[in-house]
Amino acid sequence: MTPEQNKTAEKMTSVKAAWDKAPAGPKKDAALRHYEAAEKANTAKNEAETNKELDAASEKLS
């Protein structure tokens, strides 16, 4: 893995942990949609899209 891939993997873990701790509701639902899009982008090896979706998920949770 490249350093950027490691950073993205760490970010995905962090966002998932924050999502797990979040209370149920529309913000958590919206964050899940972004997280799932990030997983899909990560599978397609699209780092930029993955990070964009992870940032959006984090924003929804805050």
Protein backbone atom coordinates (compact mmCIF):
# COMPACT_ATOMS: atom_id res chain seq x y z
CA MET A 1 0.00 0.00 0.00
CA THR A 2 1.14 3.51 -0.73
CA PRO A 3 1.17 6.08 2.07
CA GLU A 4 -1.93 7.71 0.58
CA GLN A 5 -3.77 4.39 0.53
CA ASN A 6 -2.83 3.83 4.18
CA LYS A 7 -4.12 7.31 5.02
CA THR A 8 -7.41 6.60 3.24
CA ALA A 9 -7.79 3.26 5.01
CA GLU A 10 -7.21 4.95 8.37
CA LYS A 11 -9.75 7.64 7.47
CA MET A 12 -12.33 4.99 6.55
CA THR A 13 -11.77 3.26 9.90
CA SER A 14 -12.12 6.57 11.74
CA VAL A 15 -15.32 7.58 9.94
CA LYS A 16 -16.82 4.12 10.48
CA ALA A 17 -16.04 4.32 14.21
CA ALA A 18 -17.66 7.76 14.42
CA TRP A 19 -20.69 6.46 12.54
CA ASP A 20 -20.99 3.48 14.91
CA LYS A 21 -21.07 5.84 17.92
CA ALA A 22 -23.53 8.32 16.40
CA PRO A 23 -27.12 8.34 17.61
CA ALA A 24 -29.76 7.07 15.18
CA GLY A 25 -31.41 9.67 13.03
CA PRO A 26 -31.31 11.45 9.68
CA LYS A 27 -27.69 12.60 10.08
CA LYS A 28 -26.53 9.04 10.68
CA ASP A 29 -28.56 7.83 7.68
CA ALA A 30 -27.04 10.52 5.44
CA ALA A 31 -23.54 9.70 6.69
CA LEU A 32 -24.12 6.02 5.92
CA ARG A 33 -25.00 6.83 2.30
CA HIS A 34 -21.73 8.75 1.95
CA TYR A 35 -19.75 6.02 3.69
CA GLU A 36 -21.20 3.37 1.36
CA ALA A 37 -20.31 5.57 -1.63
CA ALA A 38 -16.77 5.84 -0.22
CA GLU A 39 -16.53 2.05 0.05
CA LYS A 40 -17.64 1.72 -3.56
CA ALA A 41 -15.11 4.33 -4.72
CA ASN A 42 -12.40 2.63 -2.69
CA THR A 43 -13.18 -0.69 -4.34
CA ALA A 44 -12.83 1.05 -7.71
CA LYS A 45 -9.46 2.42 -6.49
CA ASN A 46 -10.65 6.01 -6.85
CA GLU A 47 -8.80 7.74 -4.00
CA ALA A 48 -10.13 11.23 -4.71
CA GLU A 49 -13.78 10.12 -4.71
CA THR A 50 -13.23 7.97 -1.63
CA ASN A 51 -11.82 10.91 0.32
CA LYS A 52 -14.56 13.24 -0.92
CA GLU A 53 -17.27 10.86 0.31
CA LEU A 54 -15.50 10.26 3.63
CA ASP A 55 -15.30 14.03 4.18
CA ALA A 56 -19.01 14.32 3.41
CA ALA A 57 -19.82 11.50 5.83
CA SER A 58 -17.76 13.16 8.57
CA GLU A 59 -19.53 16.46 7.95
CA LYS A 60 -22.95 14.82 8.30
CA LEU A 61 -21.93 13.31 11.63
CA SER A 62 -20.68 16.58 13.11
